[in-house]
Amino acid sequence: MTPAVRTESVPSPADEGDAPCVRVGPSVRMPTSHGMFQLSAFIESRTGVEHLAIHCGDLSVPGVLVRVHSECFTGDIIGSLRCDCGPQLHKALDRIAAEGLGVVIYMRGHEGRGIGLIDKLRAYALQDQGMDTVDANLALGHPVDARRYEAAAAILQHLGARSVRLMSNNPLKLLALREQGLEVVAREPHEAGEHPENAAYLGTKRDRLGHLLGHPVAD
């Protein structure tokens, strides 16, 4: 019989009274092509969604390198050229392995900025008809971005990370983590995988969503 995995609850750092928390799942050694990591599982209490942390080193040191990465089946798994997600994920793992310290929080349930895989494919079909990513989400009745980051902050809290350097081009992600009580001491530009197939997608990120692509670092 397979033994049950013991879990514990971790409150969100923003408000331990009523904010969402995560339950802690198993953690295992994970050798990868990028280097040696620990792979730790977490279950979001509010949704039941299972998230992952890919990490190494003592994450309690100031200014630890962090990437909060939204799940992207098409980019991460099959190498889609419609986005830059896969290259961003692999670049983050390479950077952490080079420093020997850091964590990627892999947020499942964030597919298509939170609309899910099936509606993400519907959005792609609308984009093929001329819409951009923003208008396609809205046409399907979704918010432009439905993602939430309480669970990511709670996972970082459990892992001991309090002061982070965030690998991201999205200023709203930085603000969301700060709102959860994390000290984001720097934004690390994280551009990767630009080519003709995703040029319009990246342009929409920059021009309509405010992503800091091609911009200097600014806190």
N, C-alpha and C. Protein backbone atom coordinates (compact mmCIF):
# COMPACT_ATOMS: atom_id res chain seq x y z
N MET A 1 0.84 -1.19 0.00
CA MET A 1 0.00 0.00 0.00
C MET A 1 0.88 1.24 0.00
N THR A 2 0.55 2.21 -0.85
CA THR A 2 1.32 3.45 -0.90
C THR A 2 0.97 4.31 0.30
N PRO A 3 1.97 4.75 1.08
CA PRO A 3 1.65 5.56 2.26
C PRO A 3 1.07 6.91 1.86
N ALA A 4 0.16 7.43 2.68
CA ALA A 4 -0.44 8.73 2.42
C ALA A 4 0.62 9.81 2.61
N VAL A 5 0.53 10.85 1.81
CA VAL A 5 1.44 11.98 1.93
C VAL A 5 0.89 12.95 2.95
N ARG A 6 1.67 13.25 3.95
CA ARG A 6 1.24 14.19 4.97
C ARG A 6 1.33 15.62 4.43
N THR A 7 0.31 16.40 4.68
CA THR A 7 0.31 17.79 4.25
C THR A 7 0.08 18.70 5.43
N GLU A 8 0.50 19.95 5.29
CA GLU A 8 0.24 20.97 6.30
C GLU A 8 -0.19 22.23 5.60
N SER A 9 -0.91 23.08 6.30
CA SER A 9 -1.42 24.31 5.71
C SER A 9 -0.46 25.46 5.97
N VAL A 10 -0.33 26.32 4.97
CA VAL A 10 0.49 27.52 5.09
C VAL A 10 -0.37 28.71 4.77
N PRO A 11 -0.56 29.66 5.70
CA PRO A 11 -1.37 30.83 5.40
C PRO A 11 -0.67 31.76 4.43
N SER A 12 -1.46 32.56 3.73
CA SER A 12 -0.88 33.59 2.88
C SER A 12 -0.17 34.61 3.74
N PRO A 13 0.99 35.13 3.29
CA PRO A 13 1.70 36.11 4.09
C PRO A 13 0.97 37.42 4.24
N ALA A 14 0.03 37.75 3.36
CA ALA A 14 -0.63 39.05 3.42
C ALA A 14 -1.59 39.16 4.59
N ASP A 15 -2.31 38.07 4.87
CA ASP A 15 -3.32 38.11 5.92
C ASP A 15 -3.57 36.70 6.41
N GLU A 16 -3.03 36.37 7.55
CA GLU A 16 -3.12 35.01 8.04
C GLU A 16 -4.52 34.67 8.54
N GLY A 17 -5.42 35.67 8.61
CA GLY A 17 -6.74 35.39 9.14
C GLY A 17 -7.65 34.71 8.15
N ASP A 18 -7.77 35.27 6.94
CA ASP A 18 -8.75 34.71 6.02
C ASP A 18 -8.25 34.58 4.59
N ALA A 19 -6.99 34.86 4.33
CA ALA A 19 -6.47 34.76 2.97
C ALA A 19 -6.27 33.30 2.57
N PRO A 20 -6.24 33.02 1.27
CA PRO A 20 -6.01 31.64 0.83
C PRO A 20 -4.66 31.12 1.32
N CYS A 21 -4.56 29.85 1.49
CA CYS A 21 -3.29 29.24 1.89
C CYS A 21 -3.04 28.02 1.02
N VAL A 22 -1.88 27.42 1.18
CA VAL A 22 -1.56 26.20 0.45
C VAL A 22 -1.28 25.09 1.44
N ARG A 23 -1.55 23.87 1.01
CA ARG A 23 -1.15 22.69 1.76
C ARG A 23 0.13 22.15 1.13
N VAL A 24 1.03 21.69 1.98
CA VAL A 24 2.35 21.26 1.51
C VAL A 24 2.30 19.78 1.15
N GLY A 25 2.73 19.45 -0.06
CA GLY A 25 2.78 18.07 -0.53
C GLY A 25 4.19 17.51 -0.49
N PRO A 26 4.47 16.47 -1.26
CA PRO A 26 5.78 15.85 -1.24
C PRO A 26 6.85 16.71 -1.88
N SER A 27 8.10 16.44 -1.51
CA SER A 27 9.26 17.13 -2.08
C SER A 27 10.32 16.08 -2.39
N VAL A 28 10.85 16.12 -3.61
CA VAL A 28 11.78 15.09 -4.05
C VAL A 28 12.97 15.70 -4.77
N ARG A 29 14.08 15.00 -4.76
CA ARG A 29 15.27 15.37 -5.54
C ARG A 29 14.94 15.24 -7.01
N MET A 30 15.32 16.26 -7.82
CA MET A 30 14.97 16.23 -9.23
C MET A 30 16.17 16.63 -10.10
N PRO A 31 16.94 15.64 -10.58
CA PRO A 31 18.02 15.94 -11.53
C PRO A 31 17.41 16.32 -12.88
N THR A 32 17.91 17.39 -13.49
CA THR A 32 17.38 17.86 -14.77
C THR A 32 18.53 18.20 -15.71
N SER A 33 18.20 18.49 -16.96
CA SER A 33 19.22 18.91 -17.92
C SER A 33 19.79 20.28 -17.57
N HIS A 34 19.09 21.02 -16.71
CA HIS A 34 19.57 22.34 -16.28
C HIS A 34 20.47 22.24 -15.05
N GLY A 35 20.31 21.18 -14.28
CA GLY A 35 21.06 21.02 -13.04
C GLY A 35 20.22 20.28 -12.02
N MET A 36 20.73 20.19 -10.79
CA MET A 36 20.03 19.47 -9.73
C MET A 36 19.11 20.41 -8.97
N PHE A 37 17.86 20.01 -8.81
CA PHE A 37 16.87 20.80 -8.11
C PHE A 37 16.12 19.93 -7.10
N GLN A 38 15.37 20.58 -6.26
CA GLN A 38 14.36 19.95 -5.43
C GLN A 38 13.01 20.32 -6.04
N LEU A 39 12.12 19.34 -6.20
CA LEU A 39 10.79 19.59 -6.75
C LEU A 39 9.78 19.39 -5.63
N SER A 40 9.09 20.47 -5.25
CA SER A 40 8.16 20.44 -4.12
C SER A 40 6.76 20.77 -4.61
N ALA A 41 5.78 20.00 -4.11
CA ALA A 41 4.39 20.16 -4.52
C ALA A 41 3.60 20.89 -3.44
N PHE A 42 2.62 21.68 -3.89
CA PHE A 42 1.74 22.42 -3.00
C PHE A 42 0.33 22.37 -3.57
N ILE A 43 -0.68 22.36 -2.70
CA ILE A 43 -2.07 22.34 -3.13
C ILE A 43 -2.73 23.62 -2.63
N GLU A 44 -3.30 24.38 -3.55
CA GLU A 44 -3.97 25.62 -3.16
C GLU A 44 -5.30 25.29 -2.50
N SER A 45 -5.47 25.74 -1.27
CA SER A 45 -6.67 25.38 -0.51
C SER A 45 -7.94 25.93 -1.14
N ARG A 46 -7.88 27.12 -1.69
CA ARG A 46 -9.07 27.77 -2.25
C ARG A 46 -9.59 27.04 -3.48
N THR A 47 -8.70 26.51 -4.30
CA THR A 47 -9.09 25.94 -5.59
C THR A 47 -8.81 24.46 -5.74
N GLY A 48 -7.93 23.91 -4.91
CA GLY A 48 -7.49 22.52 -5.09
C GLY A 48 -6.46 22.35 -6.18
N VAL A 49 -6.02 23.44 -6.81
CA VAL A 49 -5.03 23.35 -7.88
C VAL A 49 -3.67 23.01 -7.28
N GLU A 50 -2.94 22.13 -7.96
CA GLU A 50 -1.61 21.70 -7.51
C GLU A 50 -0.54 22.54 -8.20
N HIS A 51 0.28 23.22 -7.41
CA HIS A 51 1.38 24.03 -7.92
C HIS A 51 2.71 23.36 -7.57
N LEU A 52 3.79 23.80 -8.21
CA LEU A 52 5.10 23.21 -8.00
C LEU A 52 6.15 24.29 -7.75
N ALA A 53 7.13 23.95 -6.95
CA ALA A 53 8.31 24.79 -6.78
C ALA A 53 9.53 23.99 -7.20
N ILE A 54 10.32 24.55 -8.10
CA ILE A 54 11.56 23.94 -8.58
C ILE A 54 12.68 24.79 -8.00
N HIS A 55 13.42 24.26 -7.03
CA HIS A 55 14.28 25.15 -6.26
C HIS A 55 15.59 24.47 -5.86
N CYS A 56 16.56 25.31 -5.47
CA CYS A 56 17.81 24.82 -4.93
C CYS A 56 18.41 25.89 -4.04
N GLY A 57 19.21 25.48 -3.07
CA GLY A 57 19.90 26.40 -2.19
C GLY A 57 19.04 26.91 -1.05
N ASP A 58 19.65 27.76 -0.24
CA ASP A 58 18.99 28.36 0.92
C ASP A 58 18.21 29.59 0.46
N LEU A 59 16.90 29.47 0.39
CA LEU A 59 16.09 30.53 -0.16
C LEU A 59 15.83 31.67 0.83
N SER A 60 16.34 31.56 2.04
CA SER A 60 16.14 32.62 3.03
C SER A 60 17.16 33.76 2.89
N VAL A 61 18.16 33.59 2.03
CA VAL A 61 19.16 34.65 1.87
C VAL A 61 18.51 35.86 1.19
N PRO A 62 18.96 37.07 1.45
CA PRO A 62 18.36 38.25 0.83
C PRO A 62 18.54 38.26 -0.68
N GLY A 63 17.51 38.70 -1.38
CA GLY A 63 17.60 38.87 -2.82
C GLY A 63 17.68 37.58 -3.60
N VAL A 64 16.97 36.54 -3.16
CA VAL A 64 17.03 35.26 -3.86
C VAL A 64 16.33 35.39 -5.22
N LEU A 65 16.86 34.70 -6.22
CA LEU A 65 16.34 34.75 -7.58
C LEU A 65 15.05 33.93 -7.68
N VAL A 66 13.98 34.56 -8.19
CA VAL A 66 12.65 33.93 -8.23
C VAL A 66 12.01 34.17 -9.59
N ARG A 67 11.36 33.14 -10.11
CA ARG A 67 10.48 33.28 -11.27
C ARG A 67 9.14 32.67 -10.89
N VAL A 68 8.05 33.45 -11.01
CA VAL A 68 6.70 32.92 -10.86
C VAL A 68 6.19 32.68 -12.28
N HIS A 69 6.12 31.42 -12.67
CA HIS A 69 5.88 31.06 -14.07
C HIS A 69 4.49 30.46 -14.23
N SER A 70 3.71 31.06 -15.12
CA SER A 70 2.36 30.56 -15.40
C SER A 70 2.43 29.35 -16.32
N GLU A 71 1.69 28.31 -15.95
CA GLU A 71 1.62 27.10 -16.76
C GLU A 71 1.26 27.44 -18.21
N CYS A 72 1.97 26.83 -19.15
CA CYS A 72 1.67 27.01 -20.58
C CYS A 72 1.96 25.70 -21.29
N PHE A 73 0.93 24.88 -21.48
CA PHE A 73 1.14 23.59 -22.13
C PHE A 73 1.76 23.77 -23.50
N THR A 74 1.22 24.70 -24.28
CA THR A 74 1.68 24.84 -25.66
C THR A 74 3.13 25.30 -25.73
N GLY A 75 3.51 26.24 -24.88
CA GLY A 75 4.88 26.75 -24.92
C GLY A 75 5.86 25.89 -24.16
N ASP A 76 5.47 25.43 -22.96
CA ASP A 76 6.39 24.68 -22.11
C ASP A 76 6.60 23.25 -22.57
N ILE A 77 5.54 22.63 -23.10
CA ILE A 77 5.59 21.19 -23.40
C ILE A 77 5.87 20.90 -24.87
N ILE A 78 5.16 21.56 -25.77
CA ILE A 78 5.33 21.22 -27.18
C ILE A 78 6.11 22.28 -27.96
N GLY A 79 6.64 23.28 -27.25
CA GLY A 79 7.53 24.25 -27.89
C GLY A 79 6.85 25.19 -28.85
N SER A 80 5.61 25.60 -28.56
CA SER A 80 4.90 26.53 -29.42
C SER A 80 5.71 27.81 -29.63
N LEU A 81 5.67 28.32 -30.85
CA LEU A 81 6.33 29.58 -31.18
C LEU A 81 5.37 30.77 -31.10
N ARG A 82 4.13 30.53 -30.65
CA ARG A 82 3.16 31.62 -30.56
C ARG A 82 3.41 32.49 -29.33
N CYS A 83 4.22 32.02 -28.39
CA CYS A 83 4.49 32.77 -27.16
C CYS A 83 5.97 32.66 -26.84
N ASP A 84 6.36 33.20 -25.70
CA ASP A 84 7.76 33.10 -25.25
C ASP A 84 7.88 32.32 -23.95
N CYS A 85 6.84 31.56 -23.59
CA CYS A 85 6.78 30.93 -22.27
C CYS A 85 7.83 29.85 -22.07
N GLY A 86 7.96 28.94 -23.03
CA GLY A 86 8.95 27.87 -22.89
C GLY A 86 10.36 28.40 -22.73
N PRO A 87 10.82 29.28 -23.62
CA PRO A 87 12.15 29.85 -23.45
C PRO A 87 12.33 30.59 -22.13
N GLN A 88 11.29 31.28 -21.65
CA GLN A 88 11.40 31.96 -20.36
C GLN A 88 11.59 30.96 -19.22
N LEU A 89 10.86 29.85 -19.26
CA LEU A 89 10.99 28.84 -18.22
C LEU A 89 12.40 28.27 -18.20
N HIS A 90 12.91 27.89 -19.36
CA HIS A 90 14.23 27.27 -19.42
C HIS A 90 15.34 28.27 -19.07
N LYS A 91 15.16 29.52 -19.47
CA LYS A 91 16.13 30.54 -19.11
C LYS A 91 16.17 30.73 -17.60
N ALA A 92 15.00 30.71 -16.95
CA ALA A 92 14.95 30.86 -15.50
C ALA A 92 15.68 29.71 -14.81
N LEU A 93 15.45 28.49 -15.25
CA LEU A 93 16.12 27.34 -14.64
C LEU A 93 17.63 27.40 -14.86
N ASP A 94 18.05 27.84 -16.04
CA ASP A 94 19.49 27.98 -16.30
C ASP A 94 20.11 29.04 -15.38
N ARG A 95 19.42 30.16 -15.20
CA ARG A 95 19.95 31.22 -14.37
C ARG A 95 20.06 30.79 -12.91
N ILE A 96 19.05 30.08 -12.43
CA ILE A 96 19.07 29.60 -11.05
C ILE A 96 20.17 28.56 -10.87
N ALA A 97 20.29 27.65 -11.82
CA ALA A 97 21.35 26.63 -11.73
C ALA A 97 22.72 27.29 -11.72
N ALA A 98 22.92 28.34 -12.52
CA ALA A 98 24.22 29.02 -12.57
C ALA A 98 24.55 29.69 -11.23
N GLU A 99 23.54 30.24 -10.57
CA GLU A 99 23.76 30.86 -9.26
C GLU A 99 23.81 29.83 -8.14
N GLY A 100 23.23 28.65 -8.39
CA GLY A 100 23.15 27.63 -7.35
C GLY A 100 22.14 27.95 -6.28
N LEU A 101 21.19 28.85 -6.61
CA LEU A 101 20.27 29.35 -5.59
C LEU A 101 19.09 30.02 -6.27
N GLY A 102 17.87 29.60 -5.90
CA GLY A 102 16.70 30.26 -6.45
C GLY A 102 15.53 29.29 -6.59
N VAL A 103 14.42 29.82 -7.13
CA VAL A 103 13.21 29.00 -7.23
C VAL A 103 12.35 29.47 -8.39
N VAL A 104 11.80 28.50 -9.12
CA VAL A 104 10.71 28.74 -10.07
C VAL A 104 9.43 28.22 -9.42
N ILE A 105 8.46 29.11 -9.23
CA ILE A 105 7.13 28.69 -8.80
C ILE A 105 6.32 28.44 -10.07
N TYR A 106 5.93 27.19 -10.29
CA TYR A 106 5.20 26.83 -11.50
C TYR A 106 3.71 26.81 -11.16
N MET A 107 3.01 27.83 -11.64
CA MET A 107 1.61 28.04 -11.27
C MET A 107 0.69 27.33 -12.26
N ARG A 108 0.19 26.18 -11.84
CA ARG A 108 -0.80 25.49 -12.64
C ARG A 108 -2.16 26.17 -12.47
N GLY A 109 -2.99 26.10 -13.50
CA GLY A 109 -4.26 26.82 -13.49
C GLY A 109 -4.14 28.24 -14.01
N HIS A 110 -2.93 28.65 -14.42
CA HIS A 110 -2.72 29.98 -14.99
C HIS A 110 -2.69 29.97 -16.51
N GLU A 111 -3.05 28.85 -17.10
CA GLU A 111 -3.00 28.72 -18.57
C GLU A 111 -3.80 29.83 -19.25
N GLY A 112 -3.19 30.47 -20.26
CA GLY A 112 -3.90 31.51 -20.99
C GLY A 112 -4.26 32.71 -20.14
N ARG A 113 -3.37 33.09 -19.22
CA ARG A 113 -3.63 34.15 -18.23
C ARG A 113 -4.85 33.83 -17.39
N GLY A 114 -5.05 32.52 -17.14
CA GLY A 114 -6.08 32.09 -16.21
C GLY A 114 -7.39 31.66 -16.85
N ILE A 115 -7.48 31.57 -18.20
CA ILE A 115 -8.75 31.21 -18.82
C ILE A 115 -8.85 29.72 -19.11
N GLY A 116 -7.76 28.98 -18.94
CA GLY A 116 -7.79 27.54 -19.19
C GLY A 116 -7.35 27.19 -20.60
N LEU A 117 -6.94 25.93 -20.77
CA LEU A 117 -6.35 25.51 -22.04
C LEU A 117 -7.34 25.55 -23.19
N ILE A 118 -8.57 25.06 -22.97
CA ILE A 118 -9.54 25.00 -24.08
C ILE A 118 -9.88 26.39 -24.57
N ASP A 119 -10.16 27.31 -23.65
CA ASP A 119 -10.47 28.67 -24.09
C ASP A 119 -9.23 29.38 -24.60
N LYS A 120 -8.06 28.98 -24.16
CA LYS A 120 -6.85 29.54 -24.75
C LYS A 120 -6.76 29.16 -26.23
N LEU A 121 -7.12 27.92 -26.57
CA LEU A 121 -7.12 27.52 -27.98
C LEU A 121 -8.19 28.27 -28.76
N ARG A 122 -9.35 28.51 -28.12
CA ARG A 122 -10.38 29.33 -28.77
C ARG A 122 -9.85 30.74 -29.01
N ALA A 123 -9.11 31.27 -28.04
CA ALA A 123 -8.52 32.60 -28.20
C ALA A 123 -7.51 32.61 -29.33
N TYR A 124 -6.72 31.53 -29.47
CA TYR A 124 -5.79 31.44 -30.58
C TYR A 124 -6.53 31.50 -31.92
N ALA A 125 -7.68 30.81 -31.99
CA ALA A 125 -8.46 30.83 -33.24
C ALA A 125 -8.91 32.25 -33.56
N LEU A 126 -9.32 33.00 -32.55
CA LEU A 126 -9.71 34.40 -32.76
C LEU A 126 -8.52 35.25 -33.18
N GLN A 127 -7.36 34.95 -32.61
CA GLN A 127 -6.15 35.68 -33.01
C GLN A 127 -5.80 35.41 -34.47
N ASP A 128 -6.05 34.18 -34.93
CA ASP A 128 -5.80 33.87 -36.33
C ASP A 128 -6.74 34.63 -37.27
N GLN A 129 -7.85 35.14 -36.70
CA GLN A 129 -8.79 35.95 -37.47
C GLN A 129 -8.48 37.45 -37.36
N GLY A 130 -7.44 37.79 -36.60
CA GLY A 130 -7.03 39.18 -36.56
C GLY A 130 -7.05 39.85 -35.21
N MET A 131 -7.61 39.21 -34.17
CA MET A 131 -7.63 39.81 -32.85
C MET A 131 -6.26 39.67 -32.18
N ASP A 132 -5.97 40.53 -31.21
CA ASP A 132 -4.79 40.32 -30.39
C ASP A 132 -5.18 39.54 -29.14
N THR A 133 -4.23 39.25 -28.27
CA THR A 133 -4.51 38.40 -27.10
C THR A 133 -5.48 39.05 -26.14
N VAL A 134 -5.43 40.37 -26.03
CA VAL A 134 -6.34 41.07 -25.12
C VAL A 134 -7.77 40.97 -25.61
N ASP A 135 -8.00 41.36 -26.88
CA ASP A 135 -9.36 41.35 -27.42
C ASP A 135 -9.92 39.94 -27.52
N ALA A 136 -9.08 38.95 -27.76
CA ALA A 136 -9.56 37.56 -27.85
C ALA A 136 -10.09 37.10 -26.50
N ASN A 137 -9.37 37.38 -25.41
CA ASN A 137 -9.87 37.01 -24.08
C ASN A 137 -11.20 37.69 -23.79
N LEU A 138 -11.28 38.98 -24.09
CA LEU A 138 -12.51 39.72 -23.83
C LEU A 138 -13.67 39.20 -24.66
N ALA A 139 -13.41 38.84 -25.92
CA ALA A 139 -14.47 38.32 -26.79
C ALA A 139 -15.03 37.01 -26.27
N LEU A 140 -14.23 36.26 -25.53
CA LEU A 140 -14.68 34.99 -24.96
C LEU A 140 -15.33 35.18 -23.59
N GLY A 141 -15.46 36.43 -23.16
CA GLY A 141 -16.13 36.70 -21.89
C GLY A 141 -15.24 36.59 -20.68
N HIS A 142 -13.92 36.62 -20.88
CA HIS A 142 -12.97 36.50 -19.78
C HIS A 142 -12.33 37.86 -19.49
N PRO A 143 -11.79 38.01 -18.28
CA PRO A 143 -10.95 39.19 -18.03
C PRO A 143 -9.69 39.12 -18.90
N VAL A 144 -9.05 40.27 -19.06
CA VAL A 144 -7.78 40.28 -19.78
C VAL A 144 -6.77 39.38 -19.09
N ASP A 145 -6.77 39.40 -17.75
CA ASP A 145 -5.84 38.57 -16.97
C ASP A 145 -6.55 38.15 -15.69
N ALA A 146 -6.83 36.85 -15.56
CA ALA A 146 -7.56 36.33 -14.40
C ALA A 146 -6.66 35.69 -13.36
N ARG A 147 -5.35 35.85 -13.48
CA ARG A 147 -4.43 35.17 -12.57
C ARG A 147 -4.41 35.82 -11.18
N ARG A 148 -4.16 35.00 -10.16
CA ARG A 148 -3.99 35.47 -8.79
C ARG A 148 -2.69 34.89 -8.24
N TYR A 149 -2.11 35.59 -7.26
CA TYR A 149 -0.76 35.24 -6.83
C TYR A 149 -0.64 34.99 -5.33
N GLU A 150 -1.78 34.86 -4.62
CA GLU A 150 -1.70 34.57 -3.19
C GLU A 150 -0.97 33.24 -2.93
N ALA A 151 -1.28 32.24 -3.74
CA ALA A 151 -0.66 30.93 -3.53
C ALA A 151 0.84 30.99 -3.78
N ALA A 152 1.26 31.73 -4.81
CA ALA A 152 2.69 31.86 -5.08
C ALA A 152 3.41 32.48 -3.89
N ALA A 153 2.82 33.51 -3.31
CA ALA A 153 3.43 34.15 -2.15
C ALA A 153 3.48 33.21 -0.96
N ALA A 154 2.42 32.43 -0.76
CA ALA A 154 2.41 31.48 0.36
C ALA A 154 3.47 30.40 0.18
N ILE A 155 3.66 29.95 -1.07
CA ILE A 155 4.70 28.94 -1.34
C ILE A 155 6.08 29.52 -1.04
N LEU A 156 6.33 30.73 -1.49
CA LEU A 156 7.62 31.37 -1.20
C LEU A 156 7.82 31.51 0.30
N GLN A 157 6.76 31.86 1.01
CA GLN A 157 6.85 31.97 2.46
C GLN A 157 7.26 30.63 3.08
N HIS A 158 6.63 29.55 2.64
CA HIS A 158 6.95 28.24 3.19
C HIS A 158 8.40 27.86 2.91
N LEU A 159 8.90 28.23 1.73
CA LEU A 159 10.27 27.89 1.36
C LEU A 159 11.30 28.79 2.02
N GLY A 160 10.84 29.81 2.73
CA GLY A 160 11.75 30.69 3.46
C GLY A 160 12.14 31.95 2.74
N ALA A 161 11.61 32.16 1.52
CA ALA A 161 11.97 33.34 0.74
C ALA A 161 11.16 34.54 1.22
N ARG A 162 11.84 35.60 1.59
CA ARG A 162 11.19 36.83 2.03
C ARG A 162 11.62 38.03 1.18
N SER A 163 12.85 37.97 0.68
CA SER A 163 13.44 39.05 -0.10
C SER A 163 13.87 38.46 -1.44
N VAL A 164 13.27 38.94 -2.54
CA VAL A 164 13.47 38.26 -3.82
C VAL A 164 13.86 39.23 -4.92
N ARG A 165 14.59 38.69 -5.90
CA ARG A 165 14.81 39.34 -7.19
C ARG A 165 13.92 38.61 -8.19
N LEU A 166 12.95 39.33 -8.73
CA LEU A 166 11.92 38.69 -9.53
C LEU A 166 12.29 38.74 -11.00
N MET A 167 12.39 37.55 -11.62
CA MET A 167 12.63 37.45 -13.06
C MET A 167 11.29 37.60 -13.77
N SER A 168 11.02 38.81 -14.26
CA SER A 168 9.73 39.07 -14.89
C SER A 168 9.79 40.36 -15.67
N ASN A 169 8.97 40.44 -16.73
CA ASN A 169 8.78 41.68 -17.48
C ASN A 169 7.44 42.32 -17.15
N ASN A 170 6.69 41.71 -16.24
CA ASN A 170 5.32 42.11 -15.94
C ASN A 170 5.28 42.90 -14.63
N PRO A 171 5.09 44.23 -14.67
CA PRO A 171 5.09 45.01 -13.44
C PRO A 171 3.93 44.66 -12.51
N LEU A 172 2.81 44.18 -13.06
CA LEU A 172 1.68 43.82 -12.22
C LEU A 172 2.00 42.60 -11.35
N LYS A 173 2.82 41.69 -11.86
CA LYS A 173 3.23 40.53 -11.07
C LYS A 173 4.09 40.98 -9.89
N LEU A 174 4.98 41.92 -10.15
CA LEU A 174 5.81 42.47 -9.07
C LEU A 174 4.94 43.11 -8.01
N LEU A 175 3.97 43.93 -8.42
CA LEU A 175 3.08 44.58 -7.46
C LEU A 175 2.24 43.58 -6.69
N ALA A 176 1.78 42.52 -7.38
CA ALA A 176 0.95 41.51 -6.71
C ALA A 176 1.72 40.81 -5.59
N LEU A 177 2.99 40.51 -5.82
CA LEU A 177 3.79 39.86 -4.78
C LEU A 177 4.08 40.82 -3.63
N ARG A 178 4.33 42.07 -3.96
CA ARG A 178 4.54 43.06 -2.88
C ARG A 178 3.28 43.22 -2.03
N GLU A 179 2.12 43.18 -2.66
CA GLU A 179 0.86 43.28 -1.92
C GLU A 179 0.67 42.11 -0.97
N GLN A 180 1.31 40.98 -1.26
CA GLN A 180 1.23 39.81 -0.38
C GLN A 180 2.31 39.82 0.70
N GLY A 181 3.05 40.92 0.81
CA GLY A 181 4.00 41.06 1.90
C GLY A 181 5.41 40.65 1.58
N LEU A 182 5.70 40.29 0.33
CA LEU A 182 7.06 39.92 -0.04
C LEU A 182 7.87 41.17 -0.39
N GLU A 183 9.13 41.15 -0.05
CA GLU A 183 10.02 42.24 -0.41
C GLU A 183 10.65 41.91 -1.76
N VAL A 184 10.23 42.63 -2.80
CA VAL A 184 10.82 42.45 -4.12
C VAL A 184 11.88 43.54 -4.27
N VAL A 185 13.15 43.16 -4.11
CA VAL A 185 14.23 44.15 -4.08
C VAL A 185 14.69 44.56 -5.47
N ALA A 186 14.35 43.75 -6.48
CA ALA A 186 14.76 44.09 -7.84
C ALA A 186 13.90 43.31 -8.82
N ARG A 187 13.72 43.90 -9.99
CA ARG A 187 13.13 43.19 -11.13
C ARG A 187 14.26 42.83 -12.08
N GLU A 188 14.36 41.55 -12.38
CA GLU A 188 15.36 41.07 -13.32
C GLU A 188 14.69 40.94 -14.70
N PRO A 189 15.10 41.72 -15.70
CA PRO A 189 14.51 41.56 -17.05
C PRO A 189 14.61 40.10 -17.50
N HIS A 190 13.56 39.62 -18.17
CA HIS A 190 13.52 38.20 -18.49
C HIS A 190 12.95 37.99 -19.88
N GLU A 191 13.61 38.56 -20.87
CA GLU A 191 13.16 38.42 -22.26
C GLU A 191 13.83 37.20 -22.89
N ALA A 192 13.03 36.45 -23.66
CA ALA A 192 13.56 35.23 -24.28
C ALA A 192 12.65 34.81 -25.42
N GLY A 193 13.24 34.21 -26.44
CA GLY A 193 12.45 33.54 -27.47
C GLY A 193 11.68 34.45 -28.42
N GLU A 194 12.20 35.63 -28.75
CA GLU A 194 11.49 36.51 -29.69
C GLU A 194 11.83 36.12 -31.12
N HIS A 195 10.80 36.05 -31.98
CA HIS A 195 10.97 35.69 -33.38
C HIS A 195 9.73 36.14 -34.13
N PRO A 196 9.69 36.03 -35.46
CA PRO A 196 8.55 36.55 -36.21
C PRO A 196 7.19 35.97 -35.80
N GLU A 197 7.15 34.70 -35.37
CA GLU A 197 5.86 34.08 -35.02
C GLU A 197 5.21 34.73 -33.80
N ASN A 198 6.01 35.25 -32.87
CA ASN A 198 5.40 35.82 -31.66
C ASN A 198 5.63 37.33 -31.53
N ALA A 199 6.07 37.97 -32.59
CA ALA A 199 6.37 39.41 -32.52
C ALA A 199 5.12 40.21 -32.16
N ALA A 200 3.97 39.90 -32.78
CA ALA A 200 2.74 40.64 -32.49
C ALA A 200 2.29 40.38 -31.05
N TYR A 201 2.42 39.14 -30.59
CA TYR A 201 2.06 38.77 -29.21
C TYR A 201 2.89 39.58 -28.22
N LEU A 202 4.20 39.67 -28.45
CA LEU A 202 5.06 40.44 -27.55
C LEU A 202 4.75 41.93 -27.65
N GLY A 203 4.40 42.39 -28.83
CA GLY A 203 4.01 43.78 -28.98
C GLY A 203 2.76 44.11 -28.18
N THR A 204 1.80 43.19 -28.16
CA THR A 204 0.59 43.39 -27.36
C THR A 204 0.93 43.40 -25.87
N LYS A 205 1.81 42.51 -25.44
CA LYS A 205 2.24 42.53 -24.04
C LYS A 205 2.82 43.90 -23.68
N ARG A 206 3.63 44.43 -24.55
CA ARG A 206 4.29 45.71 -24.29
C ARG A 206 3.31 46.87 -24.36
N ASP A 207 2.52 46.93 -25.45
CA ASP A 207 1.73 48.13 -25.74
C ASP A 207 0.39 48.17 -25.01
N ARG A 208 -0.21 47.00 -24.73
CA ARG A 208 -1.53 47.00 -24.10
C ARG A 208 -1.52 46.49 -22.68
N LEU A 209 -0.51 45.69 -22.31
CA LEU A 209 -0.46 45.13 -20.97
C LEU A 209 0.66 45.73 -20.12
N GLY A 210 1.46 46.60 -20.70
CA GLY A 210 2.46 47.31 -19.92
C GLY A 210 3.69 46.52 -19.56
N HIS A 211 3.94 45.40 -20.24
CA HIS A 211 5.13 44.62 -19.93
C HIS A 211 6.39 45.40 -20.32
N LEU A 212 7.41 45.29 -19.50
CA LEU A 212 8.62 46.09 -19.67
C LEU A 212 9.59 45.36 -20.59
N LEU A 213 9.24 45.30 -21.85
CA LEU A 213 10.07 44.65 -22.85
C LEU A 213 10.94 45.69 -23.52
N GLY A 214 12.25 45.47 -23.46
CA GLY A 214 13.17 46.44 -24.02
C GLY A 214 13.36 47.66 -23.16
N HIS A 215 12.92 47.58 -21.89
CA HIS A 215 13.05 48.70 -20.98
C HIS A 215 14.18 48.43 -19.98
N PRO A 216 14.81 49.46 -19.43
CA PRO A 216 15.79 49.26 -18.36
C PRO A 216 15.11 48.84 -17.07
N VAL A 217 15.90 48.29 -16.16
CA VAL A 217 15.38 47.87 -14.87
C VAL A 217 14.90 49.07 -14.08
N ALA A 218 13.74 48.95 -13.45
CA ALA A 218 13.23 50.01 -12.58
C ALA A 218 12.43 49.38 -11.46
N ASP A 219 12.70 49.75 -10.23
CA ASP A 219 11.91 49.25 -9.09
C ASP A 219 10.59 49.99 -9.02
